[in-house]
Amino acid sequence: MKLLLAEDDPMIGASMELGLRHAGFTVDWTRDGKAAEAAVRVGGYALLLLDLGLPHLDGLTLLKKIRQMDNDLPVLIVTARDAVADRVTGLNLGADDYLIKPFDLDELIARVRALTRRQGGRVNAEMQLGSLCLDPIQRVVRLDGHTLALSQREFTLLEALMERPGAVLSREQLETSIYGWQDEIISNAVEVHLHNLRRKLGAAWIRNVRGVGYKIVAPI
């Protein structure tokens, strides 16, 4: 799952990026509002973590512009501004949640998971498809009750597929979901990870729609 982090403080941003990556998220980090706006327009993110005191374009103005685009990207405001008026303004402009600095990293991750789960129309964190179960919190995948050993990339790729079961995702969409800006992408990386997933799950789980992309289905 790919997140966009808009935070200009280098220490706070680095800490958030590291913590979110350790929790299994892919993170693109922008340091100013204009860069964050450009990234939102490109798309491909499950959630925006938004600081309000951004240079070049402040967070509330950016939030207003995002909603004027009719973009329903979930937005979690993360800021040191603790005045009730700021919180009310942010929520009224379309923020989905509000977290005050300093915060506990575990709470941040829990709120991120809750928002992305809500966006996906799920009540529980776990994703279930037939006998396949993926737990994004524990980072565990079970098939027929047996735990599978997956690499981080394989897990993230499977998570992207299971978020939209039956939907065909292109190679480019899958690349976007598992790689950040700073990651070097090998030309056939997605195909290699899919090959390994098929070997561990069974070939029938992941279907190749020729010329279009890939989808996950429960074998009949």
N, C-alpha and C. Protein backbone atom coordinates (compact mmCIF):
# COMPACT_ATOMS: atom_id res chain seq x y z
N MET A 1 0.85 -1.18 0.00
CA MET A 1 0.00 0.00 0.00
C MET A 1 0.89 1.24 0.00
N LYS A 2 0.58 2.19 -0.87
CA LYS A 2 1.45 3.34 -1.06
C LYS A 2 0.85 4.59 -0.45
N LEU A 3 1.66 5.29 0.35
CA LEU A 3 1.24 6.50 1.03
C LEU A 3 2.04 7.70 0.54
N LEU A 4 1.41 8.88 0.60
CA LEU A 4 2.10 10.13 0.31
C LEU A 4 2.25 10.89 1.62
N LEU A 5 3.49 11.23 1.95
CA LEU A 5 3.79 11.99 3.16
C LEU A 5 4.20 13.40 2.77
N ALA A 6 3.48 14.40 3.29
CA ALA A 6 3.80 15.81 3.05
C ALA A 6 4.22 16.43 4.37
N GLU A 7 5.53 16.54 4.57
CA GLU A 7 6.09 17.00 5.84
C GLU A 7 7.41 17.71 5.57
N ASP A 8 7.54 18.97 6.05
CA ASP A 8 8.75 19.73 5.75
C ASP A 8 9.83 19.58 6.81
N ASP A 9 9.49 19.09 8.00
CA ASP A 9 10.50 18.92 9.04
C ASP A 9 11.31 17.66 8.74
N PRO A 10 12.63 17.78 8.53
CA PRO A 10 13.43 16.61 8.11
C PRO A 10 13.47 15.50 9.15
N MET A 11 13.53 15.83 10.44
CA MET A 11 13.61 14.80 11.47
C MET A 11 12.28 14.07 11.62
N ILE A 12 11.20 14.85 11.66
CA ILE A 12 9.88 14.23 11.80
C ILE A 12 9.56 13.41 10.56
N GLY A 13 9.83 13.97 9.38
CA GLY A 13 9.55 13.26 8.14
C GLY A 13 10.32 11.97 8.04
N ALA A 14 11.61 12.00 8.39
CA ALA A 14 12.43 10.80 8.31
C ALA A 14 11.93 9.73 9.27
N SER A 15 11.54 10.16 10.47
CA SER A 15 11.02 9.21 11.46
C SER A 15 9.72 8.58 11.00
N MET A 16 8.81 9.40 10.45
CA MET A 16 7.54 8.87 9.96
C MET A 16 7.75 7.93 8.79
N GLU A 17 8.61 8.33 7.86
CA GLU A 17 8.86 7.49 6.70
C GLU A 17 9.42 6.14 7.12
N LEU A 18 10.40 6.15 8.02
CA LEU A 18 11.01 4.90 8.47
C LEU A 18 10.01 4.02 9.18
N GLY A 19 9.22 4.61 10.08
CA GLY A 19 8.23 3.83 10.82
C GLY A 19 7.18 3.22 9.92
N LEU A 20 6.70 4.00 8.96
CA LEU A 20 5.68 3.49 8.03
C LEU A 20 6.24 2.41 7.13
N ARG A 21 7.48 2.56 6.70
CA ARG A 21 8.11 1.52 5.88
C ARG A 21 8.28 0.23 6.68
N HIS A 22 8.68 0.35 7.94
CA HIS A 22 8.82 -0.84 8.77
C HIS A 22 7.47 -1.52 8.98
N ALA A 23 6.38 -0.74 8.93
CA ALA A 23 5.04 -1.31 9.06
C ALA A 23 4.53 -1.92 7.76
N GLY A 24 5.35 -1.83 6.70
CA GLY A 24 5.00 -2.48 5.45
C GLY A 24 4.44 -1.58 4.37
N PHE A 25 4.41 -0.26 4.62
CA PHE A 25 3.89 0.66 3.62
C PHE A 25 5.00 1.13 2.69
N THR A 26 4.63 1.46 1.46
CA THR A 26 5.51 2.16 0.54
C THR A 26 5.22 3.65 0.71
N VAL A 27 6.26 4.47 0.83
CA VAL A 27 6.08 5.89 1.17
C VAL A 27 6.83 6.78 0.19
N ASP A 28 6.12 7.76 -0.36
CA ASP A 28 6.75 8.87 -1.10
C ASP A 28 6.66 10.10 -0.20
N TRP A 29 7.81 10.75 0.02
CA TRP A 29 7.88 11.88 0.95
C TRP A 29 8.15 13.18 0.19
N THR A 30 7.23 14.14 0.33
CA THR A 30 7.41 15.47 -0.24
C THR A 30 7.61 16.47 0.88
N ARG A 31 8.43 17.52 0.59
CA ARG A 31 8.77 18.49 1.62
C ARG A 31 8.03 19.81 1.49
N ASP A 32 7.21 20.01 0.46
CA ASP A 32 6.47 21.26 0.32
C ASP A 32 5.12 21.00 -0.33
N GLY A 33 4.23 21.98 -0.19
CA GLY A 33 2.86 21.80 -0.65
C GLY A 33 2.72 21.66 -2.15
N LYS A 34 3.52 22.40 -2.92
CA LYS A 34 3.44 22.32 -4.37
C LYS A 34 3.83 20.93 -4.86
N ALA A 35 4.90 20.37 -4.28
CA ALA A 35 5.33 19.03 -4.67
C ALA A 35 4.27 18.00 -4.30
N ALA A 36 3.63 18.19 -3.13
CA ALA A 36 2.58 17.28 -2.71
C ALA A 36 1.38 17.35 -3.66
N GLU A 37 1.03 18.57 -4.08
CA GLU A 37 -0.08 18.73 -5.02
C GLU A 37 0.20 18.01 -6.34
N ALA A 38 1.42 18.15 -6.83
CA ALA A 38 1.80 17.47 -8.08
C ALA A 38 1.71 15.96 -7.93
N ALA A 39 2.15 15.45 -6.78
CA ALA A 39 2.09 14.00 -6.55
C ALA A 39 0.65 13.51 -6.47
N VAL A 40 -0.22 14.28 -5.82
CA VAL A 40 -1.63 13.90 -5.74
C VAL A 40 -2.25 13.84 -7.13
N ARG A 41 -1.89 14.78 -7.98
CA ARG A 41 -2.45 14.79 -9.34
C ARG A 41 -2.01 13.57 -10.14
N VAL A 42 -0.79 13.10 -9.90
CA VAL A 42 -0.32 11.88 -10.56
C VAL A 42 -1.11 10.69 -10.05
N GLY A 43 -1.36 10.65 -8.75
CA GLY A 43 -2.20 9.61 -8.17
C GLY A 43 -1.45 8.35 -7.79
N GLY A 44 -2.24 7.33 -7.44
CA GLY A 44 -1.66 6.04 -7.06
C GLY A 44 -1.47 5.85 -5.57
N TYR A 45 -2.01 6.78 -4.76
CA TYR A 45 -1.80 6.70 -3.31
C TYR A 45 -3.07 6.25 -2.60
N ALA A 46 -2.87 5.51 -1.50
CA ALA A 46 -3.99 5.06 -0.68
C ALA A 46 -4.37 6.10 0.35
N LEU A 47 -3.43 7.01 0.70
CA LEU A 47 -3.70 7.99 1.74
C LEU A 47 -2.63 9.07 1.71
N LEU A 48 -3.01 10.29 2.12
CA LEU A 48 -2.09 11.41 2.27
C LEU A 48 -1.96 11.77 3.73
N LEU A 49 -0.71 11.78 4.23
CA LEU A 49 -0.42 12.28 5.57
C LEU A 49 0.04 13.72 5.41
N LEU A 50 -0.72 14.64 5.93
CA LEU A 50 -0.56 16.05 5.59
C LEU A 50 -0.22 16.92 6.79
N ASP A 51 0.95 17.55 6.74
CA ASP A 51 1.31 18.59 7.70
C ASP A 51 0.69 19.91 7.23
N LEU A 52 0.29 20.76 8.16
CA LEU A 52 -0.36 22.01 7.77
C LEU A 52 0.64 23.11 7.45
N GLY A 53 1.80 23.11 8.11
CA GLY A 53 2.75 24.21 7.93
C GLY A 53 3.74 23.97 6.81
N LEU A 54 3.27 23.66 5.63
CA LEU A 54 4.15 23.37 4.50
C LEU A 54 4.56 24.65 3.78
N PRO A 55 5.79 24.72 3.27
CA PRO A 55 6.20 25.87 2.47
C PRO A 55 5.57 25.84 1.07
N HIS A 56 5.51 26.99 0.43
CA HIS A 56 5.03 27.16 -0.95
C HIS A 56 3.53 26.99 -1.11
N LEU A 57 2.93 26.06 -0.37
CA LEU A 57 1.48 25.88 -0.39
C LEU A 57 1.11 25.23 0.93
N ASP A 58 0.38 25.96 1.79
CA ASP A 58 0.11 25.43 3.13
C ASP A 58 -0.87 24.26 3.06
N GLY A 59 -0.88 23.47 4.11
CA GLY A 59 -1.65 22.23 4.12
C GLY A 59 -3.14 22.42 3.94
N LEU A 60 -3.73 23.41 4.58
CA LEU A 60 -5.18 23.62 4.45
C LEU A 60 -5.55 24.04 3.04
N THR A 61 -4.73 24.88 2.41
CA THR A 61 -4.99 25.26 1.02
C THR A 61 -4.86 24.06 0.10
N LEU A 62 -3.85 23.23 0.34
CA LEU A 62 -3.69 22.01 -0.46
C LEU A 62 -4.89 21.10 -0.29
N LEU A 63 -5.35 20.92 0.93
CA LEU A 63 -6.51 20.07 1.19
C LEU A 63 -7.74 20.59 0.45
N LYS A 64 -7.94 21.90 0.49
CA LYS A 64 -9.08 22.50 -0.22
C LYS A 64 -8.98 22.25 -1.72
N LYS A 65 -7.78 22.37 -2.28
CA LYS A 65 -7.59 22.14 -3.72
C LYS A 65 -7.84 20.68 -4.08
N ILE A 66 -7.42 19.76 -3.22
CA ILE A 66 -7.63 18.34 -3.47
C ILE A 66 -9.12 18.04 -3.55
N ARG A 67 -9.88 18.57 -2.62
CA ARG A 67 -11.32 18.29 -2.62
C ARG A 67 -12.01 19.01 -3.78
N GLN A 68 -11.49 20.14 -4.21
CA GLN A 68 -12.05 20.81 -5.38
C GLN A 68 -11.81 20.02 -6.66
N MET A 69 -10.83 19.13 -6.64
CA MET A 69 -10.58 18.24 -7.79
C MET A 69 -11.57 17.07 -7.82
N ASP A 70 -12.47 17.01 -6.81
CA ASP A 70 -13.34 15.84 -6.61
C ASP A 70 -12.51 14.59 -6.37
N ASN A 71 -11.39 14.78 -5.69
CA ASN A 71 -10.49 13.68 -5.35
C ASN A 71 -10.84 13.22 -3.94
N ASP A 72 -11.20 11.95 -3.78
CA ASP A 72 -11.61 11.43 -2.47
C ASP A 72 -10.47 10.74 -1.74
N LEU A 73 -9.22 11.06 -2.10
CA LEU A 73 -8.06 10.50 -1.41
C LEU A 73 -8.19 10.73 0.10
N PRO A 74 -8.11 9.68 0.92
CA PRO A 74 -8.16 9.88 2.38
C PRO A 74 -7.00 10.76 2.84
N VAL A 75 -7.30 11.70 3.74
CA VAL A 75 -6.28 12.64 4.23
C VAL A 75 -6.25 12.59 5.75
N LEU A 76 -5.07 12.30 6.28
CA LEU A 76 -4.83 12.33 7.71
C LEU A 76 -3.94 13.54 8.00
N ILE A 77 -4.48 14.55 8.65
CA ILE A 77 -3.69 15.72 9.02
C ILE A 77 -2.82 15.36 10.22
N VAL A 78 -1.53 15.63 10.10
CA VAL A 78 -0.59 15.38 11.19
C VAL A 78 0.14 16.70 11.44
N THR A 79 -0.15 17.37 12.55
CA THR A 79 0.34 18.73 12.75
C THR A 79 0.52 19.04 14.23
N ALA A 80 1.33 20.06 14.49
CA ALA A 80 1.51 20.53 15.87
C ALA A 80 0.41 21.52 16.27
N ARG A 81 -0.41 21.96 15.34
CA ARG A 81 -1.48 22.90 15.65
C ARG A 81 -2.58 22.17 16.41
N ASP A 82 -2.73 22.51 17.68
CA ASP A 82 -3.69 21.77 18.51
C ASP A 82 -4.94 22.58 18.85
N ALA A 83 -5.10 23.76 18.25
CA ALA A 83 -6.29 24.57 18.52
C ALA A 83 -7.52 23.89 17.92
N VAL A 84 -8.62 23.95 18.65
CA VAL A 84 -9.86 23.35 18.18
C VAL A 84 -10.27 23.94 16.83
N ALA A 85 -10.06 25.24 16.65
CA ALA A 85 -10.45 25.90 15.40
C ALA A 85 -9.71 25.31 14.21
N ASP A 86 -8.42 25.00 14.39
CA ASP A 86 -7.66 24.39 13.30
C ASP A 86 -8.19 23.01 12.96
N ARG A 87 -8.52 22.24 14.00
CA ARG A 87 -9.06 20.90 13.76
C ARG A 87 -10.40 20.97 13.04
N VAL A 88 -11.25 21.87 13.51
CA VAL A 88 -12.57 22.01 12.88
C VAL A 88 -12.42 22.43 11.42
N THR A 89 -11.53 23.40 11.17
CA THR A 89 -11.32 23.86 9.79
C THR A 89 -10.83 22.72 8.91
N GLY A 90 -9.86 21.96 9.39
CA GLY A 90 -9.32 20.85 8.61
C GLY A 90 -10.37 19.81 8.30
N LEU A 91 -11.17 19.45 9.29
CA LEU A 91 -12.21 18.44 9.08
C LEU A 91 -13.31 18.98 8.15
N ASN A 92 -13.65 20.25 8.29
CA ASN A 92 -14.66 20.84 7.42
C ASN A 92 -14.19 20.94 5.97
N LEU A 93 -12.88 21.07 5.77
CA LEU A 93 -12.35 21.14 4.40
C LEU A 93 -12.22 19.76 3.76
N GLY A 94 -12.44 18.70 4.54
CA GLY A 94 -12.46 17.37 3.94
C GLY A 94 -11.43 16.41 4.46
N ALA A 95 -10.73 16.76 5.55
CA ALA A 95 -9.81 15.79 6.15
C ALA A 95 -10.61 14.65 6.77
N ASP A 96 -10.01 13.47 6.78
CA ASP A 96 -10.70 12.30 7.33
C ASP A 96 -10.33 12.04 8.79
N ASP A 97 -9.18 12.55 9.21
CA ASP A 97 -8.75 12.36 10.60
C ASP A 97 -7.69 13.40 10.91
N TYR A 98 -7.38 13.54 12.20
CA TYR A 98 -6.49 14.61 12.67
C TYR A 98 -5.65 14.05 13.80
N LEU A 99 -4.32 14.18 13.70
CA LEU A 99 -3.42 13.68 14.73
C LEU A 99 -2.46 14.80 15.13
N ILE A 100 -2.35 15.02 16.43
CA ILE A 100 -1.54 16.11 16.95
C ILE A 100 -0.12 15.62 17.27
N LYS A 101 0.88 16.40 16.84
CA LYS A 101 2.27 16.14 17.22
C LYS A 101 2.52 16.67 18.63
N PRO A 102 3.37 16.00 19.42
CA PRO A 102 4.02 14.71 19.13
C PRO A 102 3.02 13.57 19.29
N PHE A 103 3.24 12.49 18.57
CA PHE A 103 2.32 11.37 18.59
C PHE A 103 3.11 10.08 18.73
N ASP A 104 2.41 9.04 19.11
CA ASP A 104 3.01 7.71 19.18
C ASP A 104 2.94 7.08 17.80
N LEU A 105 4.05 6.51 17.36
CA LEU A 105 4.10 5.94 16.01
C LEU A 105 3.08 4.83 15.83
N ASP A 106 2.85 4.04 16.86
CA ASP A 106 1.86 2.97 16.77
C ASP A 106 0.46 3.53 16.53
N GLU A 107 0.16 4.68 17.16
CA GLU A 107 -1.15 5.30 16.94
C GLU A 107 -1.26 5.80 15.50
N LEU A 108 -0.19 6.40 14.99
CA LEU A 108 -0.19 6.86 13.60
C LEU A 108 -0.48 5.71 12.66
N ILE A 109 0.21 4.60 12.83
CA ILE A 109 0.03 3.44 11.95
C ILE A 109 -1.38 2.89 12.08
N ALA A 110 -1.90 2.84 13.30
CA ALA A 110 -3.26 2.35 13.51
C ALA A 110 -4.28 3.23 12.80
N ARG A 111 -4.09 4.54 12.86
CA ARG A 111 -5.02 5.45 12.19
C ARG A 111 -4.92 5.32 10.67
N VAL A 112 -3.71 5.16 10.17
CA VAL A 112 -3.53 4.95 8.73
C VAL A 112 -4.27 3.70 8.28
N ARG A 113 -4.10 2.62 9.02
CA ARG A 113 -4.76 1.36 8.66
C ARG A 113 -6.29 1.50 8.73
N ALA A 114 -6.78 2.20 9.75
CA ALA A 114 -8.23 2.37 9.89
C ALA A 114 -8.80 3.16 8.72
N LEU A 115 -8.11 4.21 8.30
CA LEU A 115 -8.60 5.05 7.19
C LEU A 115 -8.57 4.29 5.87
N THR A 116 -7.49 3.58 5.61
CA THR A 116 -7.41 2.85 4.34
C THR A 116 -8.39 1.69 4.32
N ARG A 117 -8.64 1.09 5.48
CA ARG A 117 -9.62 0.01 5.57
C ARG A 117 -11.02 0.55 5.30
N ARG A 118 -11.32 1.71 5.89
CA ARG A 118 -12.62 2.33 5.68
C ARG A 118 -12.82 2.70 4.22
N GLN A 119 -11.76 3.22 3.58
CA GLN A 119 -11.85 3.59 2.17
C GLN A 119 -12.14 2.39 1.30
N GLY A 120 -11.60 1.23 1.70
CA GLY A 120 -11.82 0.01 0.94
C GLY A 120 -13.12 -0.69 1.26
N GLY A 121 -13.92 -0.10 2.16
CA GLY A 121 -15.22 -0.66 2.50
C GLY A 121 -15.12 -1.89 3.40
N ARG A 122 -14.01 -2.03 4.12
CA ARG A 122 -13.82 -3.18 4.99
C ARG A 122 -13.94 -2.77 6.45
N VAL A 123 -14.53 -3.66 7.25
CA VAL A 123 -14.63 -3.43 8.69
C VAL A 123 -13.38 -3.97 9.38
N ASN A 124 -12.96 -5.16 8.99
CA ASN A 124 -11.80 -5.80 9.60
C ASN A 124 -10.54 -5.51 8.79
N ALA A 125 -9.42 -5.55 9.47
CA ALA A 125 -8.14 -5.32 8.80
C ALA A 125 -7.80 -6.48 7.86
N GLU A 126 -8.14 -7.68 8.27
CA GLU A 126 -7.79 -8.85 7.47
C GLU A 126 -8.53 -8.87 6.14
N MET A 127 -7.83 -9.34 5.11
CA MET A 127 -8.43 -9.52 3.79
C MET A 127 -8.60 -11.02 3.55
N GLN A 128 -9.78 -11.41 3.14
CA GLN A 128 -10.09 -12.82 2.95
C GLN A 128 -10.58 -13.05 1.53
N LEU A 129 -10.02 -14.05 0.87
CA LEU A 129 -10.48 -14.48 -0.45
C LEU A 129 -10.41 -15.99 -0.49
N GLY A 130 -11.58 -16.62 -0.42
CA GLY A 130 -11.58 -18.08 -0.35
C GLY A 130 -10.81 -18.55 0.88
N SER A 131 -9.87 -19.44 0.66
CA SER A 131 -9.07 -19.98 1.76
C SER A 131 -7.80 -19.18 2.00
N LEU A 132 -7.68 -18.03 1.32
CA LEU A 132 -6.49 -17.18 1.44
C LEU A 132 -6.82 -16.00 2.35
N CYS A 133 -5.97 -15.79 3.36
CA CYS A 133 -6.18 -14.71 4.32
C CYS A 133 -4.90 -13.90 4.46
N LEU A 134 -5.02 -12.58 4.35
CA LEU A 134 -3.87 -11.68 4.51
C LEU A 134 -4.16 -10.73 5.66
N ASP A 135 -3.27 -10.71 6.64
CA ASP A 135 -3.39 -9.83 7.79
C ASP A 135 -2.33 -8.74 7.67
N PRO A 136 -2.72 -7.49 7.30
CA PRO A 136 -1.74 -6.43 7.08
C PRO A 136 -1.09 -5.92 8.36
N ILE A 137 -1.71 -6.16 9.50
CA ILE A 137 -1.15 -5.70 10.77
C ILE A 137 -0.05 -6.64 11.25
N GLN A 138 -0.35 -7.91 11.27
CA GLN A 138 0.64 -8.91 11.68
C GLN A 138 1.61 -9.27 10.56
N ARG A 139 1.30 -8.81 9.33
CA ARG A 139 2.13 -9.12 8.16
C ARG A 139 2.21 -10.63 7.95
N VAL A 140 1.05 -11.26 8.00
CA VAL A 140 0.96 -12.72 7.88
C VAL A 140 -0.01 -13.07 6.77
N VAL A 141 0.35 -14.09 5.98
CA VAL A 141 -0.53 -14.64 4.96
C VAL A 141 -0.74 -16.12 5.25
N ARG A 142 -2.00 -16.53 5.23
CA ARG A 142 -2.32 -17.94 5.46
C ARG A 142 -3.13 -18.47 4.29
N LEU A 143 -2.80 -19.67 3.89
CA LEU A 143 -3.53 -20.37 2.83
C LEU A 143 -3.93 -21.73 3.37
N ASP A 144 -5.24 -21.99 3.39
CA ASP A 144 -5.76 -23.24 3.98
C ASP A 144 -5.25 -23.44 5.40
N GLY A 145 -5.11 -22.31 6.12
CA GLY A 145 -4.69 -22.39 7.51
C GLY A 145 -3.19 -22.47 7.73
N HIS A 146 -2.42 -22.56 6.67
CA HIS A 146 -0.97 -22.66 6.77
C HIS A 146 -0.33 -21.31 6.45
N THR A 147 0.63 -20.90 7.28
CA THR A 147 1.32 -19.63 7.08
C THR A 147 2.34 -19.73 5.95
N LEU A 148 2.30 -18.73 5.06
CA LEU A 148 3.24 -18.69 3.94
C LEU A 148 4.38 -17.72 4.23
N ALA A 149 5.57 -18.08 3.80
CA ALA A 149 6.73 -17.20 3.96
C ALA A 149 6.87 -16.35 2.70
N LEU A 150 6.56 -15.06 2.83
CA LEU A 150 6.64 -14.14 1.70
C LEU A 150 7.66 -13.05 1.99
N SER A 151 8.33 -12.59 0.94
CA SER A 151 9.21 -11.43 1.09
C SER A 151 8.34 -10.18 1.24
N GLN A 152 8.95 -9.07 1.61
CA GLN A 152 8.19 -7.83 1.77
C GLN A 152 7.53 -7.41 0.46
N ARG A 153 8.26 -7.52 -0.66
CA ARG A 153 7.71 -7.14 -1.96
C ARG A 153 6.56 -8.08 -2.35
N GLU A 154 6.72 -9.36 -2.10
CA GLU A 154 5.67 -10.32 -2.43
C GLU A 154 4.42 -10.03 -1.60
N PHE A 155 4.61 -9.73 -0.32
CA PHE A 155 3.48 -9.41 0.55
C PHE A 155 2.75 -8.16 0.05
N THR A 156 3.50 -7.12 -0.26
CA THR A 156 2.89 -5.86 -0.71
C THR A 156 2.17 -6.05 -2.04
N LEU A 157 2.74 -6.84 -2.91
CA LEU A 157 2.10 -7.11 -4.20
C LEU A 157 0.80 -7.89 -4.01
N LEU A 158 0.84 -8.90 -3.15
CA LEU A 158 -0.37 -9.67 -2.87
C LEU A 158 -1.44 -8.78 -2.22
N GLU A 159 -1.01 -7.90 -1.33
CA GLU A 159 -1.95 -6.98 -0.68
C GLU A 159 -2.63 -6.09 -1.72
N ALA A 160 -1.87 -5.58 -2.69
CA ALA A 160 -2.44 -4.73 -3.74
C ALA A 160 -3.48 -5.49 -4.55
N LEU A 161 -3.21 -6.74 -4.85
CA LEU A 161 -4.16 -7.55 -5.61
C LEU A 161 -5.41 -7.86 -4.78
N MET A 162 -5.22 -8.17 -3.49
CA MET A 162 -6.35 -8.55 -2.65
C MET A 162 -7.22 -7.37 -2.25
N GLU A 163 -6.69 -6.16 -2.37
CA GLU A 163 -7.52 -4.99 -2.11
C GLU A 163 -8.62 -4.85 -3.15
N ARG A 164 -8.39 -5.40 -4.34
CA ARG A 164 -9.38 -5.34 -5.42
C ARG A 164 -9.52 -6.70 -6.07
N PRO A 165 -10.06 -7.69 -5.34
CA PRO A 165 -10.15 -9.05 -5.88
C PRO A 165 -10.97 -9.10 -7.16
N GLY A 166 -10.44 -9.77 -8.15
CA GLY A 166 -11.13 -9.90 -9.43
C GLY A 166 -10.85 -8.78 -10.40
N ALA A 167 -10.32 -7.65 -9.90
CA ALA A 167 -10.00 -6.52 -10.78
C ALA A 167 -8.65 -6.76 -11.45
N VAL A 168 -8.55 -6.36 -12.71
CA VAL A 168 -7.30 -6.52 -13.45
C VAL A 168 -6.43 -5.29 -13.23
N LEU A 169 -5.22 -5.50 -12.70
CA LEU A 169 -4.28 -4.42 -12.46
C LEU A 169 -3.12 -4.54 -13.44
N SER A 170 -2.77 -3.44 -14.06
CA SER A 170 -1.67 -3.45 -15.02
C SER A 170 -0.34 -3.58 -14.29
N ARG A 171 0.70 -3.92 -15.05
CA ARG A 171 2.03 -4.01 -14.46
C ARG A 171 2.43 -2.66 -13.87
N GLU A 172 2.08 -1.57 -14.57
CA GLU A 172 2.42 -0.24 -14.08
C GLU A 172 1.71 0.07 -12.76
N GLN A 173 0.45 -0.33 -12.63
CA GLN A 173 -0.27 -0.11 -11.38
C GLN A 173 0.37 -0.89 -10.23
N LEU A 174 0.77 -2.11 -10.52
CA LEU A 174 1.40 -2.93 -9.49
C LEU A 174 2.77 -2.36 -9.11
N GLU A 175 3.51 -1.88 -10.08
CA GLU A 175 4.80 -1.24 -9.78
C GLU A 175 4.59 -0.04 -8.87
N THR A 176 3.58 0.77 -9.18
CA THR A 176 3.30 1.97 -8.40
C THR A 176 2.96 1.61 -6.96
N SER A 177 2.29 0.48 -6.76
CA SER A 177 1.85 0.11 -5.42
C SER A 177 2.99 -0.40 -4.54
N ILE A 178 4.06 -0.91 -5.13
CA ILE A 178 5.11 -1.54 -4.32
C ILE A 178 6.44 -0.79 -4.33
N TYR A 179 6.57 0.23 -5.20
CA TYR A 179 7.83 0.96 -5.26
C TYR A 179 7.62 2.45 -5.01
N GLY A 180 8.53 3.04 -4.25
CA GLY A 180 8.54 4.47 -4.02
C GLY A 180 9.49 5.15 -4.98
N TRP A 181 9.55 6.49 -4.88
CA TRP A 181 10.40 7.27 -5.78
C TRP A 181 11.86 6.87 -5.69
N GLN A 182 12.31 6.56 -4.47
CA GLN A 182 13.72 6.32 -4.27
C GLN A 182 14.14 4.89 -4.61
N ASP A 183 13.18 4.03 -4.92
CA ASP A 183 13.48 2.64 -5.21
C ASP A 183 13.90 2.45 -6.66
N GLU A 184 14.91 1.65 -6.85
CA GLU A 184 15.33 1.29 -8.20
C GLU A 184 14.50 0.11 -8.67
N ILE A 185 13.87 0.26 -9.83
CA ILE A 185 12.96 -0.78 -10.33
C ILE A 185 13.62 -1.53 -11.48
N ILE A 186 13.79 -2.81 -11.29
CA ILE A 186 14.28 -3.66 -12.37
C ILE A 186 13.15 -3.89 -13.35
N SER A 187 13.46 -3.96 -14.63
CA SER A 187 12.44 -3.97 -15.68
C SER A 187 11.40 -5.08 -15.51
N ASN A 188 11.82 -6.26 -15.06
CA ASN A 188 10.87 -7.37 -14.94
C ASN A 188 10.59 -7.73 -13.49
N ALA A 189 10.76 -6.75 -12.59
CA ALA A 189 10.63 -7.03 -11.15
C ALA A 189 9.24 -7.54 -10.79
N VAL A 190 8.19 -6.91 -11.31
CA VAL A 190 6.84 -7.34 -10.98
C VAL A 190 6.60 -8.78 -11.44
N GLU A 191 7.05 -9.10 -12.64
CA GLU A 191 6.86 -10.46 -13.15
C GLU A 191 7.58 -11.49 -12.27
N VAL A 192 8.78 -11.11 -11.78
CA VAL A 192 9.53 -12.02 -10.90
C VAL A 192 8.78 -12.25 -9.60
N HIS A 193 8.27 -11.17 -8.99
CA HIS A 193 7.52 -11.31 -7.74
C HIS A 193 6.23 -12.11 -7.96
N LEU A 194 5.55 -11.88 -9.08
CA LEU A 194 4.33 -12.64 -9.37
C LEU A 194 4.64 -14.12 -9.57
N HIS A 195 5.75 -14.41 -10.24
CA HIS A 195 6.17 -15.81 -10.43
C HIS A 195 6.38 -16.48 -9.08
N ASN A 196 7.04 -15.77 -8.15
CA ASN A 196 7.29 -16.34 -6.83
C ASN A 196 5.99 -16.52 -6.05
N LEU A 197 5.07 -15.56 -6.18
CA LEU A 197 3.77 -15.69 -5.52
C LEU A 197 2.99 -16.89 -6.06
N ARG A 198 3.00 -17.05 -7.36
CA ARG A 198 2.30 -18.20 -7.95
C ARG A 198 2.89 -19.51 -7.44
N ARG A 199 4.20 -19.54 -7.31
CA ARG A 199 4.86 -20.76 -6.83
C ARG A 199 4.44 -21.08 -5.40
N LYS A 200 4.24 -20.05 -4.59
CA LYS A 200 3.90 -20.26 -3.18
C LYS A 200 2.40 -20.46 -2.96
N LEU A 201 1.58 -19.76 -3.76
CA LEU A 201 0.13 -19.86 -3.61
C LEU A 201 -0.46 -21.00 -4.42
N GLY A 202 0.12 -21.21 -5.59
CA GLY A 202 -0.49 -22.07 -6.59
C GLY A 202 -0.85 -21.22 -7.80
N ALA A 203 -0.55 -21.71 -8.98
CA ALA A 203 -0.68 -20.90 -10.20
C ALA A 203 -2.10 -20.40 -10.44
N ALA A 204 -3.12 -21.13 -9.94
CA ALA A 204 -4.51 -20.78 -10.25
C ALA A 204 -4.98 -19.51 -9.54
N TRP A 205 -4.24 -19.06 -8.53
CA TRP A 205 -4.69 -17.90 -7.77
C TRP A 205 -4.51 -16.59 -8.53
N ILE A 206 -3.43 -16.47 -9.27
CA ILE A 206 -3.14 -15.20 -9.95
C ILE A 206 -3.22 -15.43 -11.45
N ARG A 207 -4.15 -14.74 -12.09
CA ARG A 207 -4.39 -14.92 -13.53
C ARG A 207 -3.76 -13.79 -14.33
N ASN A 208 -3.19 -14.14 -15.44
CA ASN A 208 -2.64 -13.16 -16.38
C ASN A 208 -3.66 -12.89 -17.46
N VAL A 209 -4.13 -11.65 -17.54
CA VAL A 209 -5.04 -11.26 -18.63
C VAL A 209 -4.16 -10.66 -19.71
N ARG A 210 -3.94 -11.42 -20.74
CA ARG A 210 -2.93 -11.08 -21.73
C ARG A 210 -3.12 -9.67 -22.29
N GLY A 211 -2.03 -8.91 -22.25
CA GLY A 211 -2.04 -7.55 -22.79
C GLY A 211 -2.68 -6.52 -21.88
N VAL A 212 -3.20 -6.97 -20.73
CA VAL A 212 -3.89 -6.03 -19.83
C VAL A 212 -3.21 -5.98 -18.46
N GLY A 213 -3.10 -7.14 -17.81
CA GLY A 213 -2.50 -7.15 -16.49
C GLY A 213 -2.78 -8.43 -15.75
N TYR A 214 -2.96 -8.31 -14.43
CA TYR A 214 -3.09 -9.48 -13.56
C TYR A 214 -4.24 -9.27 -12.57
N LYS A 215 -4.84 -10.39 -12.15
CA LYS A 215 -5.88 -10.33 -11.15
C LYS A 215 -5.78 -11.56 -10.26
N ILE A 216 -6.33 -11.42 -9.05
CA ILE A 216 -6.36 -12.55 -8.13
C ILE A 216 -7.78 -13.07 -8.00
N VAL A 217 -7.92 -14.38 -8.07
CA VAL A 217 -9.23 -15.03 -7.97
C VAL A 217 -9.08 -16.28 -7.11
N ALA A 218 -10.15 -16.67 -6.45
CA ALA A 218 -10.13 -17.92 -5.69
C ALA A 218 -10.36 -19.08 -6.66
N PRO A 219 -9.46 -20.05 -6.68
CA PRO A 219 -9.66 -21.19 -7.59
C PRO A 219 -10.96 -21.92 -7.29
N ILE A 220 -11.60 -22.38 -8.33
CA ILE A 220 -12.87 -23.12 -8.15
C ILE A 220 -12.56 -24.58 -7.79
